[in-house]
Amino acid sequence: MNLAVVLGQAAAHLFTPIGLLCLVAGTVTGILVGALPGIGPLSGIALLLPLSFFLPPAEALIFYTTLYQAAEYGGSITAIAVSTPGSPNSAAIILDGYQLNRAGRAAKAFAYSLWSATYGGVITTILLILVTPIVASWALLLGPTEYAALGILGLTAIAFLVGGAPRRGIIGVAIGVLIGTIGLDSVTGLPRFDFGNILLSGGIPLAPMLIGLFAIPEAVRMLVGDRSTGTAVPQQRGRVWLTFREFRSVLKPASLGTVIGFFTGLLPGMAGSVPPFLSYNVAKAPSRHPEQFGKGSPEGIAAPEATNAAVMHATLIPTFALGIPGTPTSAIILGAMLIAGLTPGPEPLARNPVTVYTVFLGLFFGTGLLWLLGMVTTNAWAKMISLPAPIIGISIIVLCTVGAYANRGTMFDVGVLLVFGGLGLLVRRFGYSGPTIVLGAILGPIIERNLRLSLILSNDSPVTFLTHPISLALLLAAVALMGVVVMTKRSSRAAARRAAAAAQQAGSGNSETSPDGPGAGAPDRDGGSTASEPEEEYIATATETKPQTSREGVTR
């Protein structure tokens, strides 16, 4: 079907009362969950996942994708207002956004963030519409052997890049794969690990599992953590607006950030907090004023903000075209597709392209709506973060329980919520990665089904994975990725040991020559350390994944 015809039908589908309602609701909710520190798009979508049972597939995905898009911008609101990123992806915004706020130009900082996110979103949404069908057409050429190898590459990237330490990532993925084996065998139809419970015949229900893993631990943190009445945010004055000259001054770093975000978003496991810092450093090199970076440079806001927007859109390409999520949040959107009855991969684009392109058009118009709402309401959202954390936590727990029960109308799903809520607390307590568990549970059955079909078609010969060029290349890429990550970790540890030994040797030398003399890290008159520069302080603040805020609003 002609792309113009499909887009016309998709536009007619989008501009219906329920379509527009989901578009507006997703954008507004996304800004809210992004602006609340610690919630972010991951927990926000997981919390609202039961809505997919009551909405048509296209409208449900419009709601979740626009929520995802708006939450990426919403996380920058708190980064600029109180130096606390709403999500780890917004940490790089602190470096210059908060400095611009301290200089009394908070409205301009919000404007540079909003306009850059809009620019990156518009460009990558157009690429999303154009590139996804091409990738899907390639996917039609893949058989079960190639799909199994592609899934193995995806799990390898997730385990070694998302989980922090490779060992913990592997353990998280293994737990997820084991969870994915519960239910009916996809090939023989025989029950596995269901303990005679018919409610487990279809596997662990996805919505309660995701809500429990991500939303419950965050709610508990709000209840037992800092009980202050929120962070006092002064009323920000001024319009969230840029002149053409101001926008043109950040067009180059925003374009660099868009390119970096798009290509890193295409690779499973590469998205996250790394691409924004990468684009920040890349934009700094050709800048006419690199000395302003870290001191309130608009270019330092535009590059990472455009990167976050581009990553969000690019990661949907492998999600929709191949059924391989690139980020934990896109994995939850993949789960929403499954709940809505859509099979991820090239099949929906071939059989029902109007549904998919309705979602893509919703993102395009959602970007414009985000720009309008951002200009009007950003100052109000900055005040919203002063709500008491315990009230937000209790509200989340109530919504989680109602959502889990609404999944199938049984208390069994509430029990699943509690079990995985406990697992989420343990995962967070011991430093493991919840997203690796989710991605393992989603990709595990896909890999298993295609692996077994490949063996059946090849008379149980595993050599078939080496005789197919594409599957061989994907497996070699997985092995190369493991090798690169392991070697990088080893070299980093060796460098850290050498640095520690050198510091210890220098310290012992200083103590022998001049115990009371001035040296690196000597206290200044105010009791601080002369070795600490302001830029280093904010970089350290930005890279924290679990910032704590005191009663005075100062990040500790």
Protein backbone atom coordinates (compact mmCIF):
# COMPACT_ATOMS: atom_id res chain seq x y z
CA MET A 1 0.00 0.00 0.00
CA ASN A 2 1.24 3.49 -0.88
CA LEU A 3 2.79 5.32 2.08
CA ALA A 4 0.80 8.51 1.39
CA VAL A 5 -2.47 6.55 1.42
CA VAL A 6 -1.54 4.81 4.66
CA LEU A 7 -0.59 8.13 6.29
CA GLY A 8 -3.92 9.62 5.21
CA GLN A 9 -5.86 6.74 6.77
CA ALA A 10 -3.69 6.95 9.88
CA ALA A 11 -4.41 10.68 10.20
CA ALA A 12 -8.15 10.01 9.96
CA HIS A 13 -7.75 7.39 12.71
CA LEU A 14 -5.70 9.73 14.89
CA PHE A 15 -8.02 12.74 14.67
CA THR A 16 -10.92 11.06 16.43
CA PRO A 17 -12.08 12.01 19.94
CA ILE A 18 -10.45 9.00 21.61
CA GLY A 19 -7.26 9.37 19.57
CA LEU A 20 -6.85 13.04 20.48
CA LEU A 21 -7.73 12.30 24.11
CA CYS A 22 -4.97 9.69 24.34
CA LEU A 23 -2.55 12.09 22.63
CA VAL A 24 -3.20 14.89 25.12
CA ALA A 25 -3.41 12.59 28.16
CA GLY A 26 -0.15 10.84 27.28
CA THR A 27 1.71 14.13 26.84
CA VAL A 28 0.44 15.69 30.07
CA THR A 29 1.01 12.51 32.09
CA GLY A 30 4.47 12.12 30.60
CA ILE A 31 5.59 15.58 31.68
CA LEU A 32 4.29 14.85 35.19
CA VAL A 33 5.97 11.44 35.66
CA GLY A 34 9.16 12.78 34.12
CA ALA A 35 9.25 15.77 36.45
CA LEU A 36 8.83 13.62 39.57
CA PRO A 37 12.35 12.47 40.54
CA GLY A 38 12.71 8.69 40.47
CA ILE A 39 9.51 7.95 38.54
CA GLY A 40 10.43 8.55 34.91
CA PRO A 41 8.95 6.93 31.79
CA LEU A 42 9.81 3.38 32.87
CA SER A 43 7.82 3.35 36.10
CA GLY A 44 5.16 5.65 34.64
CA ILE A 45 4.30 3.33 31.75
CA ALA A 46 4.53 0.25 33.96
CA LEU A 47 2.10 1.83 36.42
CA LEU A 48 -0.41 2.66 33.68
CA LEU A 49 0.02 -0.55 31.68
CA PRO A 50 -3.44 -1.94 32.62
CA LEU A 51 -5.00 0.81 30.48
CA SER A 52 -4.02 -1.25 27.44
CA PHE A 53 -6.82 -3.70 28.34
CA PHE A 54 -9.45 -1.00 27.91
CA LEU A 55 -8.13 0.94 24.91
CA PRO A 56 -7.93 -0.04 21.23
CA PRO A 57 -4.38 -1.04 20.19
CA ALA A 58 -3.51 2.16 18.29
CA GLU A 59 -4.87 4.49 20.98
CA ALA A 60 -3.11 2.56 23.76
CA LEU A 61 0.24 2.80 21.97
CA ILE A 62 -0.33 6.51 21.22
CA PHE A 63 -0.80 7.07 24.95
CA TYR A 64 2.34 5.14 25.95
CA THR A 65 4.66 6.50 23.25
CA THR A 66 3.65 10.13 23.81
CA LEU A 67 4.03 9.56 27.55
CA TYR A 68 7.54 8.21 26.89
CA GLN A 69 8.39 11.21 24.73
CA ALA A 70 7.07 13.82 27.18
CA ALA A 71 8.70 12.13 30.18
CA GLU A 72 12.14 12.54 28.60
CA TYR A 73 11.59 16.30 28.58
CA GLY A 74 9.91 16.28 31.99
CA GLY A 75 13.03 14.78 33.55
CA SER A 76 14.94 17.90 32.52
CA ILE A 77 12.58 20.17 34.46
CA THR A 78 13.83 18.96 37.83
CA ALA A 79 17.40 18.77 36.52
CA ILE A 80 17.25 22.49 35.75
CA ALA A 81 15.11 23.55 38.71
CA VAL A 82 16.73 21.72 41.64
CA SER A 83 19.79 19.91 40.18
CA THR A 84 18.03 16.55 40.53
CA PRO A 85 17.47 14.58 37.30
CA GLY A 86 13.97 13.20 36.91
CA SER A 87 15.59 10.18 35.24
CA PRO A 88 19.23 9.11 34.69
CA ASN A 89 18.95 10.23 31.04
CA SER A 90 18.50 13.83 32.23
CA ALA A 91 21.65 13.89 34.33
CA ALA A 92 23.72 15.64 31.66
CA ILE A 93 21.23 18.54 31.62
CA ILE A 94 22.32 19.48 35.15
CA LEU A 95 25.81 20.48 34.02
CA ASP A 96 24.63 23.68 32.31
CA GLY A 97 20.87 23.84 32.94
CA TYR A 98 21.18 24.24 36.70
CA GLN A 99 24.00 26.74 36.28
CA LEU A 100 21.79 28.84 34.00
CA ASN A 101 19.05 28.63 36.64
CA ARG A 102 21.44 29.84 39.34
CA ALA A 103 22.30 32.78 37.12
CA GLY A 104 18.64 33.84 37.22
CA ARG A 105 17.79 32.57 33.72
CA ALA A 106 15.68 29.51 34.55
CA ALA A 107 13.05 30.32 31.90
CA LYS A 108 15.75 30.44 29.22
CA ALA A 109 17.19 27.14 30.45
CA PHE A 110 13.75 25.55 30.16
CA ALA A 111 13.35 27.09 26.70
CA TYR A 112 16.65 25.74 25.37
CA SER A 113 15.73 22.32 26.75
CA LEU A 114 12.21 22.34 25.31
CA TRP A 115 13.11 23.65 21.86
CA SER A 116 16.02 21.23 21.50
CA ALA A 117 13.81 18.29 22.53
CA THR A 118 11.21 19.43 19.99
CA TYR A 119 13.80 19.75 17.24
CA GLY A 120 15.27 16.32 17.89
CA GLY A 121 11.78 14.80 18.19
CA VAL A 122 10.52 16.19 14.88
CA ILE A 123 13.59 15.07 12.92
CA THR A 124 13.67 11.55 14.35
CA THR A 125 9.91 11.04 14.07
CA ILE A 126 10.22 11.65 10.33
CA LEU A 127 13.10 9.16 10.24
CA LEU A 128 10.98 6.74 12.28
CA ILE A 129 8.23 6.89 9.65
CA LEU A 130 10.67 6.42 6.76
CA VAL A 131 13.15 3.89 8.20
CA THR A 132 10.84 1.49 10.05
CA PRO A 133 9.24 -0.05 6.90
CA ILE A 134 12.71 -0.53 5.38
CA VAL A 135 13.94 -2.39 8.46
CA ALA A 136 10.70 -4.41 8.54
CA SER A 137 11.16 -5.43 4.90
CA TRP A 138 14.60 -6.73 5.78
CA ALA A 139 13.09 -8.59 8.71
CA LEU A 140 10.74 -10.44 6.34
CA LEU A 141 13.84 -12.07 4.84
CA LEU A 142 14.85 -13.48 8.22
CA GLY A 143 13.95 -17.02 9.21
CA PRO A 144 13.84 -18.63 12.66
CA THR A 145 17.61 -19.17 12.60
CA GLU A 146 18.32 -15.46 12.08
CA TYR A 147 15.68 -14.41 14.61
CA ALA A 148 17.19 -16.68 17.26
CA ALA A 149 20.66 -15.24 16.61
CA LEU A 150 19.26 -11.69 16.65
CA GLY A 151 17.59 -12.37 20.00
CA ILE A 152 20.85 -13.77 21.38
CA LEU A 153 22.66 -10.61 20.26
CA GLY A 154 19.98 -8.50 21.93
CA LEU A 155 20.23 -10.40 25.22
CA THR A 156 24.03 -10.19 25.09
CA ALA A 157 23.91 -6.42 24.61
CA ILE A 158 21.37 -6.07 27.41
CA ALA A 159 23.30 -8.26 29.85
CA PHE A 160 26.67 -6.63 29.23
CA LEU A 161 25.64 -3.00 28.68
CA VAL A 162 22.42 -2.42 30.66
CA GLY A 163 23.12 -4.40 33.81
CA GLY A 164 26.02 -2.29 35.05
CA ALA A 165 28.52 -5.06 35.79
CA PRO A 166 28.42 -7.94 33.26
CA ARG A 167 28.08 -10.53 36.01
CA ARG A 168 24.99 -8.85 37.43
CA GLY A 169 23.57 -8.29 33.97
CA ILE A 170 23.94 -11.97 33.12
CA ILE A 171 22.23 -12.98 36.37
CA GLY A 172 19.35 -10.57 35.70
CA VAL A 173 18.86 -11.85 32.15
CA ALA A 174 19.01 -15.47 33.37
CA ILE A 175 16.29 -14.79 35.95
CA GLY A 176 14.14 -13.18 33.25
CA VAL A 177 14.62 -16.11 30.86
CA LEU A 178 13.59 -18.56 33.61
CA ILE A 179 10.47 -16.49 34.28
CA GLY A 180 9.69 -16.63 30.56
CA THR A 181 9.61 -20.45 30.61
CA ILE A 182 6.51 -20.51 32.85
CA GLY A 183 3.31 -21.46 31.04
CA LEU A 184 2.46 -23.53 27.99
CA ASP A 185 5.33 -24.71 25.82
CA SER A 186 5.23 -22.63 22.62
CA VAL A 187 6.05 -25.65 20.43
CA THR A 188 4.46 -28.69 22.10
CA GLY A 189 1.69 -26.93 24.03
CA LEU A 190 2.53 -28.80 27.25
CA PRO A 191 2.35 -26.92 30.58
CA ARG A 192 5.60 -25.98 32.32
CA PHE A 193 6.14 -24.80 35.91
CA ASP A 194 2.50 -23.74 36.36
CA PHE A 195 1.96 -25.92 39.48
CA GLY A 196 -1.46 -26.89 38.18
CA ASN A 197 -2.68 -23.27 38.27
CA ILE A 198 -4.65 -22.47 35.13
CA LEU A 199 -3.98 -18.75 35.65
CA LEU A 200 -0.31 -19.45 34.89
CA SER A 201 -0.98 -21.35 31.66
CA GLY A 202 -0.30 -18.19 29.67
CA GLY A 203 2.81 -17.39 31.71
CA ILE A 204 3.39 -14.76 34.36
CA PRO A 205 0.95 -11.88 33.64
CA LEU A 206 3.03 -9.09 32.19
CA ALA A 207 1.26 -6.04 33.64
CA PRO A 208 1.47 -7.02 37.36
CA MET A 209 5.05 -8.17 36.87
CA LEU A 210 6.17 -4.86 35.37
CA ILE A 211 4.24 -2.75 37.86
CA GLY A 212 5.68 -4.73 40.76
CA LEU A 213 9.27 -4.59 39.54
CA PHE A 214 9.39 -0.86 38.88
CA ALA A 215 6.55 1.06 40.53
CA ILE A 216 6.37 -0.67 43.94
CA PRO A 217 10.09 -0.20 44.85
CA GLU A 218 9.87 3.47 43.93
CA ALA A 219 6.74 3.93 46.06
CA VAL A 220 8.43 2.22 49.01
CA ARG A 221 11.47 4.46 48.60
CA MET A 222 9.22 7.50 48.81
CA LEU A 223 7.52 6.19 51.95
CA VAL A 224 10.61 5.17 53.92
CA GLY A 225 13.08 7.70 52.49
CA ASP A 226 13.23 11.44 52.94
CA ARG A 227 9.91 12.57 54.47
CA SER A 228 10.40 16.23 53.89
CA THR A 229 7.56 18.19 52.38
CA GLY A 230 9.33 18.30 49.05
CA THR A 231 11.84 20.65 47.54
CA ALA A 232 11.04 24.31 47.72
CA VAL A 233 11.12 25.63 44.17
CA PRO A 234 10.88 29.40 43.78
CA GLN A 235 8.42 30.66 41.20
CA GLN A 236 10.26 30.87 37.90
CA ARG A 237 9.59 34.11 36.05
CA GLY A 238 9.84 34.74 32.34
CA ARG A 239 8.53 33.10 29.20
CA VAL A 240 9.80 29.71 28.00
CA TRP A 241 10.60 31.19 24.60
CA LEU A 242 13.56 31.56 22.23
CA THR A 243 14.09 34.10 19.52
CA PHE A 244 15.21 32.88 16.11
CA ARG A 245 18.73 34.10 16.81
CA GLU A 246 18.86 32.22 20.13
CA PHE A 247 17.59 29.01 18.55
CA ARG A 248 20.04 29.32 15.64
CA SER A 249 22.90 29.62 18.15
CA VAL A 250 22.17 26.09 19.46
CA LEU A 251 21.11 24.53 16.14
CA LYS A 252 24.51 22.93 15.52
CA PRO A 253 24.83 21.16 18.92
CA ALA A 254 21.17 20.13 18.72
CA SER A 255 21.81 18.60 15.28
CA LEU A 256 24.90 16.76 16.56
CA GLY A 257 22.92 15.46 19.50
CA THR A 258 20.11 14.31 17.21
CA VAL A 259 22.49 12.32 14.98
CA ILE A 260 24.26 10.71 17.94
CA GLY A 261 20.98 9.88 19.66
CA PHE A 262 19.43 8.36 16.54
CA PHE A 263 22.26 5.95 15.81
CA THR A 264 22.84 4.93 19.44
CA GLY A 265 19.10 4.40 19.87
CA LEU A 266 19.10 1.88 17.03
CA LEU A 267 21.51 -0.39 18.93
CA PRO A 268 19.96 -2.50 21.74
CA GLY A 269 21.55 -1.75 25.08
CA MET A 270 23.37 1.41 23.94
CA ALA A 271 20.68 3.89 24.99
CA GLY A 272 20.52 5.33 28.48
CA SER A 273 22.55 7.97 30.29
CA VAL A 274 25.69 7.47 28.15
CA PRO A 275 24.57 9.05 24.81
CA PRO A 276 23.67 12.45 26.38
CA PHE A 277 27.14 12.74 27.96
CA LEU A 278 28.69 11.59 24.68
CA SER A 279 26.87 14.28 22.71
CA TYR A 280 27.76 16.84 25.41
CA ASN A 281 31.47 16.18 24.88
CA VAL A 282 31.15 16.02 21.08
CA ALA A 283 29.31 19.37 21.02
CA LYS A 284 31.93 20.95 23.27
CA ALA A 285 34.83 20.24 20.89
CA PRO A 286 33.74 22.43 17.91
CA SER A 287 32.07 25.08 20.07
CA ARG A 288 33.23 28.69 19.78
CA HIS A 289 32.97 29.01 23.56
CA PRO A 290 34.00 25.64 25.07
CA GLU A 291 35.02 27.42 28.26
CA GLN A 292 31.35 28.16 28.95
CA PHE A 293 30.43 24.47 29.16
CA GLY A 294 29.62 23.58 32.75
CA LYS A 295 28.94 27.24 33.55
CA GLY A 296 25.52 27.70 31.95
CA SER A 297 26.17 27.21 28.23
CA PRO A 298 22.98 26.90 26.13
CA GLU A 299 24.89 24.53 23.83
CA GLY A 300 25.49 22.25 26.80
CA ILE A 301 21.73 22.01 27.28
CA ALA A 302 20.77 21.62 23.61
CA ALA A 303 23.05 18.70 22.72
CA PRO A 304 22.04 16.19 25.44
CA GLU A 305 18.38 17.23 25.29
CA ALA A 306 18.18 16.58 21.54
CA THR A 307 20.01 13.29 22.12
CA ASN A 308 17.42 12.12 24.64
CA ALA A 309 14.60 12.89 22.21
CA ALA A 310 16.37 11.16 19.31
CA VAL A 311 17.20 8.05 21.35
CA MET A 312 13.57 7.70 22.40
CA HIS A 313 12.30 7.72 18.81
CA ALA A 314 15.13 5.61 17.35
CA THR A 315 14.69 2.84 19.89
CA LEU A 316 11.13 2.32 18.64
CA ILE A 317 12.44 1.27 15.20
CA PRO A 318 13.85 -2.14 16.28
CA THR A 319 10.93 -2.48 18.71
CA PHE A 320 8.24 -2.17 16.04
CA ALA A 321 10.16 -3.60 13.06
CA LEU A 322 12.00 -6.51 14.70
CA GLY A 323 10.35 -7.04 18.06
CA ILE A 324 13.71 -6.31 19.76
CA PRO A 325 13.45 -3.51 22.35
CA GLY A 326 16.40 -1.17 22.56
CA THR A 327 15.70 0.25 26.03
CA PRO A 328 13.87 -0.98 29.15
CA THR A 329 11.06 1.50 28.48
CA SER A 330 10.63 0.28 24.91
CA ALA A 331 10.49 -3.25 26.33
CA ILE A 332 7.42 -2.22 28.34
CA ILE A 333 5.91 -0.70 25.20
CA LEU A 334 6.62 -4.05 23.54
CA GLY A 335 4.68 -5.66 26.39
CA ALA A 336 1.82 -3.24 25.77
CA MET A 337 1.80 -4.35 22.13
CA LEU A 338 1.50 -7.98 23.22
CA ILE A 339 -1.32 -7.14 25.63
CA ALA A 340 -3.11 -5.24 22.83
CA GLY A 341 -2.89 -8.30 20.59
CA LEU A 342 -0.18 -7.01 18.22
CA THR A 343 2.71 -9.30 17.37
CA PRO A 344 5.94 -7.24 17.41
CA GLY A 345 7.94 -7.48 14.22
CA PRO A 346 7.26 -6.99 10.53
CA GLU A 347 3.81 -8.64 10.62
CA PRO A 348 1.80 -5.60 11.84
CA LEU A 349 3.46 -3.35 9.25
CA ALA A 350 2.59 -5.83 6.51
CA ARG A 351 -0.97 -6.72 7.56
CA ASN A 352 -2.20 -3.66 9.44
CA PRO A 353 0.09 -0.71 8.66
CA VAL A 354 -2.58 1.88 9.53
CA THR A 355 -2.36 1.00 13.23
CA VAL A 356 1.43 1.38 13.32
CA TYR A 357 1.48 4.63 11.34
CA THR A 358 -1.29 6.04 13.53
CA VAL A 359 1.11 5.63 16.45
CA PHE A 360 3.93 7.28 14.49
CA LEU A 361 1.74 10.22 13.48
CA GLY A 362 0.63 10.50 17.10
CA LEU A 363 4.29 10.93 18.06
CA PHE A 364 4.76 13.60 15.39
CA PHE A 365 1.78 15.68 16.53
CA GLY A 366 2.61 14.84 20.14
CA THR A 367 5.96 16.57 19.65
CA GLY A 368 4.17 19.75 18.63
CA LEU A 369 1.77 19.43 21.56
CA LEU A 370 4.73 18.95 23.92
CA TRP A 371 6.24 22.18 22.59
CA LEU A 372 3.01 24.11 23.20
CA LEU A 373 2.36 22.64 26.65
CA GLY A 374 6.00 23.09 27.60
CA MET A 375 5.91 26.82 26.87
CA VAL A 376 2.68 27.29 28.84
CA THR A 377 3.03 24.90 31.78
CA THR A 378 6.73 24.26 32.47
CA ASN A 379 6.87 26.79 35.33
CA ALA A 380 3.83 25.12 36.91
CA TRP A 381 5.41 21.65 36.59
CA ALA A 382 8.51 22.98 38.32
CA LYS A 383 6.30 23.79 41.32
CA MET A 384 4.67 20.33 41.26
CA ILE A 385 7.83 18.63 42.47
CA SER A 386 7.29 20.21 45.89
CA LEU A 387 4.53 17.68 46.66
CA PRO A 388 5.30 15.55 49.74
CA ALA A 389 6.98 12.29 48.72
CA PRO A 390 4.87 10.05 51.08
CA ILE A 391 1.64 11.26 49.48
CA ILE A 392 2.98 10.39 46.05
CA GLY A 393 4.16 7.00 47.32
CA ILE A 394 0.79 6.05 48.83
CA SER A 395 -0.98 7.14 45.65
CA ILE A 396 1.31 4.95 43.57
CA ILE A 397 0.68 1.88 45.73
CA VAL A 398 -3.10 2.36 45.50
CA LEU A 399 -2.93 2.75 41.73
CA CYS A 400 -0.65 -0.28 41.45
CA THR A 401 -3.08 -2.48 43.37
CA VAL A 402 -6.09 -1.30 41.38
CA GLY A 403 -4.21 -1.73 38.12
CA ALA A 404 -3.06 -5.26 38.97
CA TYR A 405 -6.59 -6.32 39.93
CA ALA A 406 -8.02 -4.76 36.77
CA ASN A 407 -5.62 -6.89 34.72
CA ARG A 408 -7.89 -9.97 34.84
CA GLY A 409 -10.19 -9.26 37.76
CA THR A 410 -8.49 -11.74 40.12
CA MET A 411 -6.62 -11.39 43.39
CA PHE A 412 -4.03 -13.76 41.95
CA ASP A 413 -2.64 -10.87 39.91
CA VAL A 414 -2.44 -8.75 43.05
CA GLY A 415 -0.35 -11.56 44.54
CA VAL A 416 1.90 -11.48 41.47
CA LEU A 417 2.24 -7.72 42.00
CA LEU A 418 3.37 -8.23 45.59
CA VAL A 419 5.81 -11.02 44.71
CA PHE A 420 7.49 -9.01 42.00
CA GLY A 421 7.36 -5.89 44.17
CA GLY A 422 9.44 -7.82 46.72
CA LEU A 423 11.75 -8.99 43.94
CA GLY A 424 12.12 -5.40 42.77
CA LEU A 425 13.11 -4.31 46.27
CA LEU A 426 15.75 -7.07 46.45
CA VAL A 427 17.03 -6.20 42.99
CA ARG A 428 17.43 -2.55 43.98
CA ARG A 429 18.90 -3.42 47.39
CA PHE A 430 21.70 -5.58 45.97
CA GLY A 431 22.45 -3.42 42.95
CA TYR A 432 21.04 -5.63 40.21
CA SER A 433 19.11 -4.41 37.17
CA GLY A 434 15.33 -4.77 36.95
CA PRO A 435 15.26 -3.99 33.21
CA THR A 436 17.52 -6.96 32.45
CA ILE A 437 14.95 -9.25 34.12
CA VAL A 438 12.12 -7.78 32.05
CA LEU A 439 14.03 -7.96 28.79
CA GLY A 440 15.06 -11.54 29.54
CA ALA A 441 11.43 -12.50 30.24
CA ILE A 442 10.27 -10.92 26.95
CA LEU A 443 13.10 -12.00 24.64
CA GLY A 444 13.61 -15.44 26.22
CA PRO A 445 10.44 -17.02 24.76
CA ILE A 446 11.16 -15.44 21.36
CA ILE A 447 14.65 -16.94 21.30
CA GLU A 448 13.43 -20.32 22.56
CA ARG A 449 10.67 -20.61 19.96
CA ASN A 450 12.92 -19.69 17.03
CA LEU A 451 15.81 -21.79 18.32
CA ARG A 452 13.66 -24.90 18.54
CA LEU A 453 12.09 -24.27 15.14
CA SER A 454 15.58 -23.90 13.66
CA LEU A 455 16.67 -27.21 15.15
CA ILE A 456 13.50 -28.94 13.93
CA LEU A 457 14.04 -27.66 10.38
CA SER A 458 17.71 -28.72 10.41
CA ASN A 459 17.14 -32.19 11.92
CA ASP A 460 18.53 -31.10 15.28
CA SER A 461 21.81 -29.87 13.81
CA PRO A 462 23.20 -26.76 15.56
CA VAL A 463 25.53 -26.27 12.60
CA THR A 464 22.64 -24.49 10.88
CA PHE A 465 23.53 -21.35 12.83
CA LEU A 466 26.99 -21.37 11.22
CA THR A 467 25.84 -22.09 7.68
CA HIS A 468 23.45 -19.13 7.51
CA PRO A 469 25.55 -15.98 6.88
CA ILE A 470 23.27 -13.57 8.75
CA SER A 471 22.97 -15.73 11.86
CA LEU A 472 26.73 -16.34 11.83
CA ALA A 473 27.41 -12.60 11.62
CA LEU A 474 24.99 -11.88 14.49
CA LEU A 475 26.56 -14.54 16.71
CA LEU A 476 30.06 -13.25 15.95
CA ALA A 477 28.86 -9.75 16.84
CA ALA A 478 27.59 -11.07 20.19
CA VAL A 479 30.95 -12.72 20.90
CA ALA A 480 32.83 -9.56 19.87
CA LEU A 481 30.60 -7.45 22.13
CA MET A 482 31.33 -9.70 25.10
CA GLY A 483 35.05 -9.51 24.39
CA VAL A 484 35.07 -5.71 24.08
CA VAL A 485 33.12 -5.21 27.31
CA VAL A 486 35.28 -7.67 29.28
CA MET A 487 38.53 -6.14 28.02
CA THR A 488 37.27 -2.62 28.73
CA LYS A 489 36.32 -3.58 32.30
CA ARG A 490 39.72 -5.17 32.87
CA SER A 491 41.63 -2.18 31.54
CA SER A 492 39.50 0.17 33.67
CA ARG A 493 40.23 -1.85 36.82
CA ALA A 494 43.94 -1.95 36.00
CA ALA A 495 44.00 1.82 35.45
CA ALA A 496 42.14 2.36 38.74
CA ARG A 497 44.67 0.18 40.60
CA ARG A 498 47.59 2.08 39.06
CA ALA A 499 46.00 5.42 39.97
CA ALA A 500 45.37 4.26 43.54
CA ALA A 501 48.94 3.04 43.89
CA ALA A 502 50.31 6.32 42.53
CA ALA A 503 48.12 8.34 44.87
CA GLN A 504 49.19 6.24 47.83
CA GLN A 505 52.85 6.63 46.91
CA ALA A 506 52.45 10.40 46.47
CA GLY A 507 50.65 10.64 49.80
CA SER A 508 53.38 8.77 51.65
CA GLY A 509 56.01 11.01 50.01
CA ASN A 510 54.20 14.18 51.07
CA SER A 511 53.79 12.96 54.63
CA GLU A 512 57.51 12.30 54.91
CA THR A 513 58.59 15.70 53.53
CA SER A 514 55.93 18.12 54.85
CA PRO A 515 53.18 16.63 56.98
CA ASP A 516 51.46 19.95 57.53
CA GLY A 517 52.32 21.55 54.22
CA PRO A 518 49.93 22.36 51.49
CA GLY A 519 49.08 19.60 49.08
CA ALA A 520 46.39 18.24 46.84
CA GLY A 521 43.11 18.25 48.62
CA ALA A 522 44.26 20.56 51.41
CA PRO A 523 41.38 22.31 53.13
CA ASP A 524 40.76 25.96 52.33
CA ARG A 525 39.65 28.63 54.76
CA ASP A 526 36.03 27.50 54.65
CA GLY A 527 36.87 23.89 55.38
CA GLY A 528 36.46 22.76 51.77
CA SER A 529 38.99 21.22 49.45
CA THR A 530 41.00 23.20 46.96
CA ALA A 531 41.07 20.17 44.69
CA SER A 532 37.36 20.28 44.05
CA GLU A 533 36.21 22.39 41.14
CA PRO A 534 32.58 23.43 40.65
CA GLU A 535 32.34 21.61 37.33
CA GLU A 536 33.51 18.36 38.92
CA GLU A 537 30.90 18.76 41.62
CA TYR A 538 28.07 19.03 39.14
CA ILE A 539 29.38 16.17 37.03
CA ALA A 540 29.40 14.01 40.13
CA THR A 541 25.87 15.14 40.91
CA ALA A 542 24.71 14.46 37.38
CA THR A 543 26.00 10.90 37.29
CA GLU A 544 24.18 9.81 40.43
CA THR A 545 21.34 7.47 39.61
CA LYS A 546 19.66 7.84 42.99
CA PRO A 547 20.06 11.45 44.10
CA GLN A 548 18.91 12.45 47.55
CA THR A 549 17.53 15.88 48.20
CA SER A 550 17.72 17.63 51.55
CA ARG A 551 15.07 19.88 53.04
CA GLU A 552 16.79 22.93 51.62
CA GLY A 553 16.72 21.46 48.09
CA VAL A 554 20.49 20.87 47.89
CA THR A 555 21.56 17.59 46.33
CA ARG A 556 23.65 15.53 48.68
